[in-house]
Amino acid sequence: MLKKEEDFIENLNNVRRINTSFVIASATIKTARNGKDYLEFSLTDKTGEIIARMFPNRDAHDIFENINQKSIYAVTGNVDEFPRNSQNFSIKIDSFQALDEGEYHLDDFIRTSGKDQEELIDEITSTIKGMENVYFKTLLKAFFCDPEFSQEFSTAPSAKIHHHNYQGGLLEHTVEVLQICKTACQIFPQLDQDLLYTGAILHDVGKLKAYDYDLISIDISSEGKMLDHLFISADMVKEKINSLDMDMPENLQTLLLHMVLSHHGEVRNGWGSPVDPKTPEAVALHHADNLDAKVKGLIQKLKG
């Protein structure tokens, strides 16, 4: 079942009948106001994600037990607005059926960054090359001169749902945050550029371990659920510092690790930071990260 152009999620923006294919990224059982159970799905293809619901005439639990999540299904139903006149479209499913290999085109479901990976990596490597702080330069080269690490960093997603949730999303998000930080340094020349750029490049490195992903699905790993990517990122940075034959001053280590741990902003926000940003560079990194995530997330939502 090859998808027609109008049936990709980014084009599901009008009320109509569909018979096409999606990845069932997730499925859950919910209870309606009338007390009846129904199924809610997250469906994906290479262009985005959409919510779908099914109100079956038979037991929802029986249907749920036979769903192979993160697999590709043929779906029949209606695209509808919910709430009415809201421009928020979802799918009401009538039926679905698992597809075998050969019944779909895998490229229809692989979500990737639309940006050139080599250009993005070049932005990072040229930034490292231009640094004056030998400790930060050595640390970053230890990461990005490792071909295996660079390859993994280039293909990893940045999130499961909210923003840059596709292959190459981590690299794309990292470079966008770096570019925002470079603009911030032009406005605020008092900022320590090398410190800020190092924090920008490494702030989400723990997402390499925080997510499990393949060609068509992204999920939070067991380690990610237990520790969160902020802690994992700080731990990876600290471990790399300790493995190098250099004596990075403790104050530089503390400033860098503080930026990684505080980049989700003030603790009271409830966004995961264990400590408030306390330095100008930490504040700049937080707002650069938040700006990129929020703007990109909204663009993806409007596009989807």
C-alpha atoms as a PDB file:
ATOM      1  CA  MET A   1       0.000   0.000   0.000  1.00  0.00           C
ATOM      2  CA  LEU A   2       1.874   3.064  -1.284  1.00  0.00           C
ATOM      3  CA  LYS A   3       0.777   6.293   0.345  1.00  0.00           C
ATOM      4  CA  LYS A   4      -0.684   8.998  -1.852  1.00  0.00           C
ATOM      5  CA  GLU A   5       0.653  12.503  -1.356  1.00  0.00           C
ATOM      6  CA  GLU A   6      -2.658  13.733   0.070  1.00  0.00           C
ATOM      7  CA  ASP A   7      -2.630  10.954   2.688  1.00  0.00           C
ATOM      8  CA  PHE A   8       0.598  11.967   4.410  1.00  0.00           C
ATOM      9  CA  ILE A   9      -0.037  13.405   7.868  1.00  0.00           C
ATOM     10  CA  GLU A  10       1.139  16.906   6.931  1.00  0.00           C
ATOM     11  CA  ASN A  11      -1.705  16.995   4.393  1.00  0.00           C
ATOM     12  CA  LEU A  12      -4.495  15.692   6.649  1.00  0.00           C
ATOM     13  CA  ASN A  13      -6.028  19.134   7.099  1.00  0.00           C
ATOM     14  CA  ASN A  14      -9.552  18.705   5.832  1.00  0.00           C
ATOM     15  CA  VAL A  15     -12.531  16.533   6.716  1.00  0.00           C
ATOM     16  CA  ARG A  16     -12.571  13.469   4.462  1.00  0.00           C
ATOM     17  CA  ARG A  17     -12.474   9.694   4.180  1.00  0.00           C
ATOM     18  CA  ILE A  18      -9.085   7.926   4.139  1.00  0.00           C
ATOM     19  CA  ASN A  19      -7.769   4.435   3.487  1.00  0.00           C
ATOM     20  CA  THR A  20      -4.002   4.552   3.907  1.00  0.00           C
ATOM     21  CA  SER A  21      -1.122   3.347   6.066  1.00  0.00           C
ATOM     22  CA  PHE A  22       0.574   4.592   9.239  1.00  0.00           C
ATOM     23  CA  VAL A  23       2.905   3.413  11.951  1.00  0.00           C
ATOM     24  CA  ILE A  24       0.993   2.783  15.171  1.00  0.00           C
ATOM     25  CA  ALA A  25       3.577   4.467  17.371  1.00  0.00           C
ATOM     26  CA  SER A  26       1.523   3.906  20.513  1.00  0.00           C
ATOM     27  CA  ALA A  27      -1.930   2.758  21.596  1.00  0.00           C
ATOM     28  CA  THR A  28      -3.788   3.154  24.874  1.00  0.00           C
ATOM     29  CA  ILE A  29      -7.216   2.292  26.273  1.00  0.00           C
ATOM     30  CA  LYS A  30      -9.285   5.191  27.591  1.00  0.00           C
ATOM     31  CA  THR A  31     -12.792   5.525  28.995  1.00  0.00           C
ATOM     32  CA  ALA A  32     -15.368   7.886  27.516  1.00  0.00           C
ATOM     33  CA  ARG A  33     -17.863   9.929  29.542  1.00  0.00           C
ATOM     34  CA  ASN A  34     -20.526   7.303  28.858  1.00  0.00           C
ATOM     35  CA  GLY A  35     -18.350   4.705  30.577  1.00  0.00           C
ATOM     36  CA  LYS A  36     -17.396   2.831  27.424  1.00  0.00           C
ATOM     37  CA  ASP A  37     -13.774   2.060  26.629  1.00  0.00           C
ATOM     38  CA  TYR A  38     -12.169   3.286  23.427  1.00  0.00           C
ATOM     39  CA  LEU A  39      -8.708   3.171  21.863  1.00  0.00           C
ATOM     40  CA  GLU A  40      -6.466   6.177  21.338  1.00  0.00           C
ATOM     41  CA  PHE A  41      -3.511   5.959  18.960  1.00  0.00           C
ATOM     42  CA  SER A  42      -0.492   7.988  18.007  1.00  0.00           C
ATOM     43  CA  LEU A  43      -0.009   7.459  14.272  1.00  0.00           C
ATOM     44  CA  THR A  44       3.098   8.534  12.379  1.00  0.00           C
ATOM     45  CA  ASP A  45       4.602   8.678   8.933  1.00  0.00           C
ATOM     46  CA  LYS A  46       7.652  10.504   7.581  1.00  0.00           C
ATOM     47  CA  THR A  47       5.859  13.870   7.729  1.00  0.00           C
ATOM     48  CA  GLY A  48       4.593  13.909  11.294  1.00  0.00           C
ATOM     49  CA  GLU A  49       2.282  12.529  13.957  1.00  0.00           C
ATOM     50  CA  ILE A  50      -1.487  12.562  14.433  1.00  0.00           C
ATOM     51  CA  ILE A  51      -3.878  11.380  17.131  1.00  0.00           C
ATOM     52  CA  ALA A  52      -6.502   8.800  16.199  1.00  0.00           C
ATOM     53  CA  ARG A  53      -9.363   7.228  18.138  1.00  0.00           C
ATOM     54  CA  MET A  54     -11.433   4.095  17.675  1.00  0.00           C
ATOM     55  CA  PHE A  55     -14.785   3.472  19.342  1.00  0.00           C
ATOM     56  CA  PRO A  56     -15.270  -0.270  18.805  1.00  0.00           C
ATOM     57  CA  ASN A  57     -18.498  -2.212  19.098  1.00  0.00           C
ATOM     58  CA  ARG A  58     -16.629  -5.066  20.788  1.00  0.00           C
ATOM     59  CA  ASP A  59     -14.286  -5.194  23.762  1.00  0.00           C
ATOM     60  CA  ALA A  60     -11.516  -2.605  23.375  1.00  0.00           C
ATOM     61  CA  HIS A  61      -9.157  -4.742  25.463  1.00  0.00           C
ATOM     62  CA  ASP A  62      -9.368  -7.627  22.989  1.00  0.00           C
ATOM     63  CA  ILE A  63      -8.420  -5.323  20.134  1.00  0.00           C
ATOM     64  CA  PHE A  64      -5.646  -3.715  22.163  1.00  0.00           C
ATOM     65  CA  GLU A  65      -4.034  -7.049  23.024  1.00  0.00           C
ATOM     66  CA  ASN A  66      -3.592  -7.856  19.328  1.00  0.00           C
ATOM     67  CA  ILE A  67      -1.955  -4.551  18.364  1.00  0.00           C
ATOM     68  CA  ASN A  68       1.739  -4.756  17.536  1.00  0.00           C
ATOM     69  CA  GLN A  69       2.844  -1.247  18.406  1.00  0.00           C
ATOM     70  CA  LYS A  70       5.592   0.359  16.312  1.00  0.00           C
ATOM     71  CA  SER A  71       4.403  -1.589  13.280  1.00  0.00           C
ATOM     72  CA  ILE A  72       2.792  -0.432  10.042  1.00  0.00           C
ATOM     73  CA  TYR A  73      -0.968  -0.785   9.576  1.00  0.00           C
ATOM     74  CA  ALA A  74      -3.540  -0.069   6.902  1.00  0.00           C
ATOM     75  CA  VAL A  75      -6.081   2.313   8.437  1.00  0.00           C
ATOM     76  CA  THR A  76      -9.601   3.121   7.260  1.00  0.00           C
ATOM     77  CA  GLY A  77     -11.555   5.970   8.794  1.00  0.00           C
ATOM     78  CA  ASN A  78     -12.369   9.667   8.693  1.00  0.00           C
ATOM     79  CA  VAL A  79     -10.247  12.755   9.181  1.00  0.00           C
ATOM     80  CA  ASP A  80     -12.166  15.144  11.392  1.00  0.00           C
ATOM     81  CA  GLU A  81     -11.754  18.370  13.363  1.00  0.00           C
ATOM     82  CA  PHE A  82     -11.845  18.095  17.132  1.00  0.00           C
ATOM     83  CA  PRO A  83     -13.058  20.366  18.601  1.00  0.00           C
ATOM     84  CA  ARG A  84     -15.125  21.691  15.704  1.00  0.00           C
ATOM     85  CA  ASN A  85     -13.639  24.657  13.792  1.00  0.00           C
ATOM     86  CA  SER A  86     -10.406  24.367  15.763  1.00  0.00           C
ATOM     87  CA  GLN A  87      -8.109  23.414  12.853  1.00  0.00           C
ATOM     88  CA  ASN A  88      -6.950  20.507  15.047  1.00  0.00           C
ATOM     89  CA  PHE A  89      -7.373  17.400  12.966  1.00  0.00           C
ATOM     90  CA  SER A  90      -7.486  13.799  14.164  1.00  0.00           C
ATOM     91  CA  ILE A  91      -8.659  10.481  12.749  1.00  0.00           C
ATOM     92  CA  LYS A  92     -11.687   8.431  13.747  1.00  0.00           C
ATOM     93  CA  ILE A  93     -10.720   4.860  12.867  1.00  0.00           C
ATOM     94  CA  ASP A  94     -13.252   2.340  11.580  1.00  0.00           C
ATOM     95  CA  SER A  95     -10.795  -0.516  11.056  1.00  0.00           C
ATOM     96  CA  PHE A  96      -7.107  -1.296  10.761  1.00  0.00           C
ATOM     97  CA  GLN A  97      -5.005  -4.233   9.631  1.00  0.00           C
ATOM     98  CA  ALA A  98      -1.307  -5.046   9.994  1.00  0.00           C
ATOM     99  CA  LEU A  99       0.711  -4.912   6.785  1.00  0.00           C
ATOM    100  CA  ASP A 100       3.440  -7.375   5.855  1.00  0.00           C
ATOM    101  CA  GLU A 101       6.794  -6.376   4.389  1.00  0.00           C
ATOM    102  CA  GLY A 102       6.289  -5.786   0.699  1.00  0.00           C
ATOM    103  CA  GLU A 103       2.873  -4.226   1.279  1.00  0.00           C
ATOM    104  CA  TYR A 104       4.321  -0.800   2.043  1.00  0.00           C
ATOM    105  CA  HIS A 105       7.195   1.496   1.082  1.00  0.00           C
ATOM    106  CA  LEU A 106       9.448   1.896   4.140  1.00  0.00           C
ATOM    107  CA  ASP A 107      10.644   5.348   3.049  1.00  0.00           C
ATOM    108  CA  ASP A 108       7.081   6.622   3.589  1.00  0.00           C
ATOM    109  CA  PHE A 109       7.571   6.187   7.346  1.00  0.00           C
ATOM    110  CA  ILE A 110      11.208   7.087   8.066  1.00  0.00           C
ATOM    111  CA  ARG A 111      11.269  10.521   9.689  1.00  0.00           C
ATOM    112  CA  THR A 112      14.528  12.376   9.107  1.00  0.00           C
ATOM    113  CA  SER A 113      15.936  15.866   9.397  1.00  0.00           C
ATOM    114  CA  GLY A 114      15.588  17.863   6.210  1.00  0.00           C
ATOM    115  CA  LYS A 115      18.927  19.566   6.809  1.00  0.00           C
ATOM    116  CA  ASP A 116      22.297  18.515   5.400  1.00  0.00           C
ATOM    117  CA  GLN A 117      24.075  16.466   8.080  1.00  0.00           C
ATOM    118  CA  GLU A 118      27.537  17.273   6.768  1.00  0.00           C
ATOM    119  CA  GLU A 119      26.837  20.999   6.944  1.00  0.00           C
ATOM    120  CA  LEU A 120      25.553  20.632  10.509  1.00  0.00           C
ATOM    121  CA  ILE A 121      28.603  18.658  11.613  1.00  0.00           C
ATOM    122  CA  ASP A 122      30.836  21.218   9.883  1.00  0.00           C
ATOM    123  CA  GLU A 123      29.188  23.942  11.988  1.00  0.00           C
ATOM    124  CA  ILE A 124      30.209  22.067  15.131  1.00  0.00           C
ATOM    125  CA  THR A 125      33.738  21.179  13.992  1.00  0.00           C
ATOM    126  CA  SER A 126      34.473  24.713  12.760  1.00  0.00           C
ATOM    127  CA  THR A 127      33.251  26.073  16.092  1.00  0.00           C
ATOM    128  CA  ILE A 128      35.582  23.704  17.943  1.00  0.00           C
ATOM    129  CA  LYS A 129      38.482  24.671  15.678  1.00  0.00           C
ATOM    130  CA  GLY A 130      37.949  28.361  16.459  1.00  0.00           C
ATOM    131  CA  MET A 131      38.004  27.942  20.244  1.00  0.00           C
ATOM    132  CA  GLU A 132      40.808  29.427  22.316  1.00  0.00           C
ATOM    133  CA  ASN A 133      40.127  27.514  25.553  1.00  0.00           C
ATOM    134  CA  VAL A 134      42.333  24.438  25.225  1.00  0.00           C
ATOM    135  CA  TYR A 135      40.356  22.461  27.822  1.00  0.00           C
ATOM    136  CA  PHE A 136      36.999  22.868  26.092  1.00  0.00           C
ATOM    137  CA  LYS A 137      38.564  22.301  22.672  1.00  0.00           C
ATOM    138  CA  THR A 138      40.225  19.077  23.846  1.00  0.00           C
ATOM    139  CA  LEU A 139      37.003  17.859  25.438  1.00  0.00           C
ATOM    140  CA  LEU A 140      34.902  18.493  22.343  1.00  0.00           C
ATOM    141  CA  LYS A 141      37.481  16.942  20.028  1.00  0.00           C
ATOM    142  CA  ALA A 142      37.459  13.829  22.221  1.00  0.00           C
ATOM    143  CA  PHE A 143      33.770  13.479  21.427  1.00  0.00           C
ATOM    144  CA  PHE A 144      33.554  14.561  17.791  1.00  0.00           C
ATOM    145  CA  CYS A 145      36.855  13.151  16.500  1.00  0.00           C
ATOM    146  CA  ASP A 146      35.437   9.725  17.337  1.00  0.00           C
ATOM    147  CA  PRO A 147      33.759   8.554  14.077  1.00  0.00           C
ATOM    148  CA  GLU A 148      31.419   6.168  15.902  1.00  0.00           C
ATOM    149  CA  PHE A 149      30.229   8.915  18.236  1.00  0.00           C
ATOM    150  CA  SER A 150      29.798  11.429  15.404  1.00  0.00           C
ATOM    151  CA  GLN A 151      27.759   8.949  13.381  1.00  0.00           C
ATOM    152  CA  GLU A 152      25.502   8.151  16.323  1.00  0.00           C
ATOM    153  CA  PHE A 153      25.133  11.840  17.197  1.00  0.00           C
ATOM    154  CA  SER A 154      24.205  12.621  13.590  1.00  0.00           C
ATOM    155  CA  THR A 155      21.388  10.077  13.396  1.00  0.00           C
ATOM    156  CA  ALA A 156      19.843  10.264  16.882  1.00  0.00           C
ATOM    157  CA  PRO A 157      16.487  11.958  17.557  1.00  0.00           C
ATOM    158  CA  SER A 158      16.154  14.829  20.012  1.00  0.00           C
ATOM    159  CA  ALA A 159      12.797  13.825  21.493  1.00  0.00           C
ATOM    160  CA  LYS A 160      10.044  11.234  21.399  1.00  0.00           C
ATOM    161  CA  ILE A 161       7.199  13.687  20.775  1.00  0.00           C
ATOM    162  CA  HIS A 162       7.651  17.412  21.257  1.00  0.00           C
ATOM    163  CA  HIS A 163      10.390  18.697  18.924  1.00  0.00           C
ATOM    164  CA  HIS A 164      13.043  17.385  16.511  1.00  0.00           C
ATOM    165  CA  ASN A 165      11.570  13.900  17.015  1.00  0.00           C
ATOM    166  CA  TYR A 166      13.142  12.265  13.967  1.00  0.00           C
ATOM    167  CA  GLN A 167      16.450  10.843  12.822  1.00  0.00           C
ATOM    168  CA  GLY A 168      19.060  13.583  12.851  1.00  0.00           C
ATOM    169  CA  GLY A 169      16.942  15.672  15.201  1.00  0.00           C
ATOM    170  CA  LEU A 170      19.586  15.794  17.932  1.00  0.00           C
ATOM    171  CA  LEU A 171      22.249  17.167  15.598  1.00  0.00           C
ATOM    172  CA  GLU A 172      19.805  19.654  14.073  1.00  0.00           C
ATOM    173  CA  HIS A 173      18.626  20.891  17.488  1.00  0.00           C
ATOM    174  CA  THR A 174      22.184  21.133  18.814  1.00  0.00           C
ATOM    175  CA  VAL A 175      23.367  23.274  15.898  1.00  0.00           C
ATOM    176  CA  GLU A 176      20.297  25.511  16.076  1.00  0.00           C
ATOM    177  CA  VAL A 177      20.916  26.091  19.792  1.00  0.00           C
ATOM    178  CA  LEU A 178      24.581  26.771  19.009  1.00  0.00           C
ATOM    179  CA  GLN A 179      23.621  29.314  16.356  1.00  0.00           C
ATOM    180  CA  ILE A 180      21.259  31.091  18.761  1.00  0.00           C
ATOM    181  CA  CYS A 181      24.070  31.186  21.321  1.00  0.00           C
ATOM    182  CA  LYS A 182      26.403  32.724  18.746  1.00  0.00           C
ATOM    183  CA  THR A 183      23.872  35.487  18.168  1.00  0.00           C
ATOM    184  CA  ALA A 184      23.580  35.971  21.933  1.00  0.00           C
ATOM    185  CA  CYS A 185      27.362  36.453  22.121  1.00  0.00           C
ATOM    186  CA  GLN A 186      27.151  39.202  19.506  1.00  0.00           C
ATOM    187  CA  ILE A 187      24.549  40.997  21.606  1.00  0.00           C
ATOM    188  CA  PHE A 188      26.267  40.259  24.919  1.00  0.00           C
ATOM    189  CA  PRO A 189      30.044  40.226  24.275  1.00  0.00           C
ATOM    190  CA  GLN A 190      30.624  39.772  28.020  1.00  0.00           C
ATOM    191  CA  LEU A 191      29.578  36.125  27.718  1.00  0.00           C
ATOM    192  CA  ASP A 192      32.321  33.508  27.777  1.00  0.00           C
ATOM    193  CA  GLN A 193      31.957  32.266  24.202  1.00  0.00           C
ATOM    194  CA  ASP A 194      33.926  29.051  24.532  1.00  0.00           C
ATOM    195  CA  LEU A 195      32.057  28.048  27.684  1.00  0.00           C
ATOM    196  CA  LEU A 196      28.665  28.828  26.143  1.00  0.00           C
ATOM    197  CA  TYR A 197      29.431  27.068  22.862  1.00  0.00           C
ATOM    198  CA  THR A 198      30.704  23.984  24.685  1.00  0.00           C
ATOM    199  CA  GLY A 199      27.558  23.891  26.787  1.00  0.00           C
ATOM    200  CA  ALA A 200      25.398  24.282  23.674  1.00  0.00           C
ATOM    201  CA  ILE A 201      27.152  21.435  21.857  1.00  0.00           C
ATOM    202  CA  LEU A 202      27.060  19.021  24.809  1.00  0.00           C
ATOM    203  CA  HIS A 203      23.850  19.979  26.635  1.00  0.00           C
ATOM    204  CA  ASP A 204      21.801  17.096  25.174  1.00  0.00           C
ATOM    205  CA  VAL A 205      24.528  14.522  24.561  1.00  0.00           C
ATOM    206  CA  GLY A 206      22.808  12.181  27.035  1.00  0.00           C
ATOM    207  CA  LYS A 207      19.947  11.729  24.591  1.00  0.00           C
ATOM    208  CA  LEU A 208      22.140   9.186  22.854  1.00  0.00           C
ATOM    209  CA  LYS A 209      21.401   6.911  25.805  1.00  0.00           C
ATOM    210  CA  ALA A 210      18.007   8.305  26.816  1.00  0.00           C
ATOM    211  CA  TYR A 211      16.190   7.093  23.688  1.00  0.00           C
ATOM    212  CA  ASP A 212      15.754   3.792  21.909  1.00  0.00           C
ATOM    213  CA  TYR A 213      14.953   4.239  18.242  1.00  0.00           C
ATOM    214  CA  ASP A 214      14.869   2.508  14.904  1.00  0.00           C
ATOM    215  CA  LEU A 215      13.820   3.528  11.408  1.00  0.00           C
ATOM    216  CA  ILE A 216      10.160   4.120  12.280  1.00  0.00           C
ATOM    217  CA  SER A 217       9.875   4.541  16.040  1.00  0.00           C
ATOM    218  CA  ILE A 218      11.304   6.445  19.007  1.00  0.00           C
ATOM    219  CA  ASP A 219      10.870   5.525  22.661  1.00  0.00           C
ATOM    220  CA  ILE A 220      12.437   6.535  25.949  1.00  0.00           C
ATOM    221  CA  SER A 221      15.007   3.966  27.078  1.00  0.00           C
ATOM    222  CA  SER A 222      14.999   2.355  30.496  1.00  0.00           C
ATOM    223  CA  GLU A 223      17.997   4.505  31.433  1.00  0.00           C
ATOM    224  CA  GLY A 224      16.217   7.601  30.163  1.00  0.00           C
ATOM    225  CA  LYS A 225      13.134   6.861  32.243  1.00  0.00           C
ATOM    226  CA  MET A 226      15.166   6.280  35.390  1.00  0.00           C
ATOM    227  CA  LEU A 227      17.783   9.027  35.118  1.00  0.00           C
ATOM    228  CA  ASP A 228      16.607  11.619  32.527  1.00  0.00           C
ATOM    229  CA  HIS A 229      18.838  13.011  29.817  1.00  0.00           C
ATOM    230  CA  LEU A 230      20.095  15.970  31.897  1.00  0.00           C
ATOM    231  CA  PHE A 231      21.799  13.707  34.417  1.00  0.00           C
ATOM    232  CA  ILE A 232      22.998  11.321  31.706  1.00  0.00           C
ATOM    233  CA  SER A 233      24.468  14.244  29.731  1.00  0.00           C
ATOM    234  CA  ALA A 234      26.329  15.602  32.771  1.00  0.00           C
ATOM    235  CA  ASP A 235      27.582  12.114  33.613  1.00  0.00           C
ATOM    236  CA  MET A 236      28.868  11.559  30.057  1.00  0.00           C
ATOM    237  CA  VAL A 237      30.658  14.914  30.065  1.00  0.00           C
ATOM    238  CA  LYS A 238      32.228  14.249  33.474  1.00  0.00           C
ATOM    239  CA  GLU A 239      33.288  10.749  32.433  1.00  0.00           C
ATOM    240  CA  LYS A 240      34.907  12.084  29.265  1.00  0.00           C
ATOM    241  CA  ILE A 241      36.781  14.780  31.210  1.00  0.00           C
ATOM    242  CA  ASN A 242      38.098  12.153  33.617  1.00  0.00           C
ATOM    243  CA  SER A 243      39.250   9.914  30.760  1.00  0.00           C
ATOM    244  CA  LEU A 244      41.400  12.589  29.138  1.00  0.00           C
ATOM    245  CA  ASP A 245      45.019  13.291  29.861  1.00  0.00           C
ATOM    246  CA  MET A 246      44.404  16.870  30.906  1.00  0.00           C
ATOM    247  CA  ASP A 247      43.865  18.604  34.187  1.00  0.00           C
ATOM    248  CA  MET A 248      40.803  20.734  33.521  1.00  0.00           C
ATOM    249  CA  PRO A 249      40.431  23.239  36.369  1.00  0.00           C
ATOM    250  CA  GLU A 250      37.631  22.355  38.766  1.00  0.00           C
ATOM    251  CA  ASN A 251      35.929  25.713  38.277  1.00  0.00           C
ATOM    252  CA  LEU A 252      35.633  25.121  34.513  1.00  0.00           C
ATOM    253  CA  GLN A 253      34.208  21.659  35.092  1.00  0.00           C
ATOM    254  CA  THR A 254      31.698  23.065  37.558  1.00  0.00           C
ATOM    255  CA  LEU A 255      30.600  25.866  35.214  1.00  0.00           C
ATOM    256  CA  LEU A 256      30.124  23.450  32.307  1.00  0.00           C
ATOM    257  CA  LEU A 257      28.300  20.771  34.289  1.00  0.00           C
ATOM    258  CA  HIS A 258      26.092  23.453  35.851  1.00  0.00           C
ATOM    259  CA  MET A 259      25.016  24.570  32.379  1.00  0.00           C
ATOM    260  CA  VAL A 260      24.131  21.019  31.359  1.00  0.00           C
ATOM    261  CA  LEU A 261      22.137  20.362  34.533  1.00  0.00           C
ATOM    262  CA  SER A 262      20.281  23.705  34.500  1.00  0.00           C
ATOM    263  CA  HIS A 263      19.490  24.076  30.803  1.00  0.00           C
ATOM    264  CA  HIS A 264      15.779  23.345  31.333  1.00  0.00           C
ATOM    265  CA  GLY A 265      15.481  26.490  33.412  1.00  0.00           C
ATOM    266  CA  GLU A 266      14.372  27.179  36.963  1.00  0.00           C
ATOM    267  CA  VAL A 267      13.527  24.208  39.152  1.00  0.00           C
ATOM    268  CA  ARG A 268      10.091  25.631  39.923  1.00  0.00           C
ATOM    269  CA  ASN A 269       9.150  25.268  36.241  1.00  0.00           C
ATOM    270  CA  GLY A 270       9.072  21.520  36.724  1.00  0.00           C
ATOM    271  CA  TRP A 271      10.912  20.908  33.431  1.00  0.00           C
ATOM    272  CA  GLY A 272      13.561  18.652  34.924  1.00  0.00           C
ATOM    273  CA  SER A 273      16.433  20.911  35.954  1.00  0.00           C
ATOM    274  CA  PRO A 274      17.783  19.940  39.400  1.00  0.00           C
ATOM    275  CA  VAL A 275      19.267  23.426  39.839  1.00  0.00           C
ATOM    276  CA  ASP A 276      18.408  26.957  38.652  1.00  0.00           C
ATOM    277  CA  PRO A 277      20.680  28.575  36.025  1.00  0.00           C
ATOM    278  CA  LYS A 278      23.054  30.755  38.070  1.00  0.00           C
ATOM    279  CA  THR A 279      25.513  32.148  35.500  1.00  0.00           C
ATOM    280  CA  PRO A 280      24.984  34.349  32.429  1.00  0.00           C
ATOM    281  CA  GLU A 281      26.071  31.479  30.182  1.00  0.00           C
ATOM    282  CA  ALA A 282      23.654  29.046  31.859  1.00  0.00           C
ATOM    283  CA  VAL A 283      20.782  31.521  31.463  1.00  0.00           C
ATOM    284  CA  ALA A 284      21.683  32.101  27.812  1.00  0.00           C
ATOM    285  CA  LEU A 285      21.845  28.359  27.114  1.00  0.00           C
ATOM    286  CA  HIS A 286      18.490  27.739  28.775  1.00  0.00           C
ATOM    287  CA  HIS A 287      16.721  30.382  26.719  1.00  0.00           C
ATOM    288  CA  ALA A 288      18.441  29.300  23.493  1.00  0.00           C
ATOM    289  CA  ASP A 289      17.379  25.693  24.110  1.00  0.00           C
ATOM    290  CA  ASN A 290      13.844  26.691  25.070  1.00  0.00           C
ATOM    291  CA  LEU A 291      13.453  29.035  22.097  1.00  0.00           C
ATOM    292  CA  ASP A 292      14.548  26.403  19.608  1.00  0.00           C
ATOM    293  CA  ALA A 293      12.444  23.648  21.181  1.00  0.00           C
ATOM    294  CA  LYS A 294       9.281  25.752  21.469  1.00  0.00           C
ATOM    295  CA  VAL A 295       9.468  27.324  18.008  1.00  0.00           C
ATOM    296  CA  LYS A 296      10.360  24.045  16.302  1.00  0.00           C
ATOM    297  CA  GLY A 297       7.660  22.191  18.227  1.00  0.00           C
ATOM    298  CA  LEU A 298       5.009  24.676  17.136  1.00  0.00           C
ATOM    299  CA  ILE A 299       6.197  24.601  13.528  1.00  0.00           C
ATOM    300  CA  GLN A 300       5.965  20.799  13.532  1.00  0.00           C
ATOM    301  CA  LYS A 301       2.492  20.949  15.108  1.00  0.00           C
ATOM    302  CA  LEU A 302       1.194  23.437  12.558  1.00  0.00           C
ATOM    303  CA  LYS A 303       2.780  21.477   9.731  1.00  0.00           C
ATOM    304  CA  GLY A 304       1.323  18.199  10.996  1.00  0.00           C
END
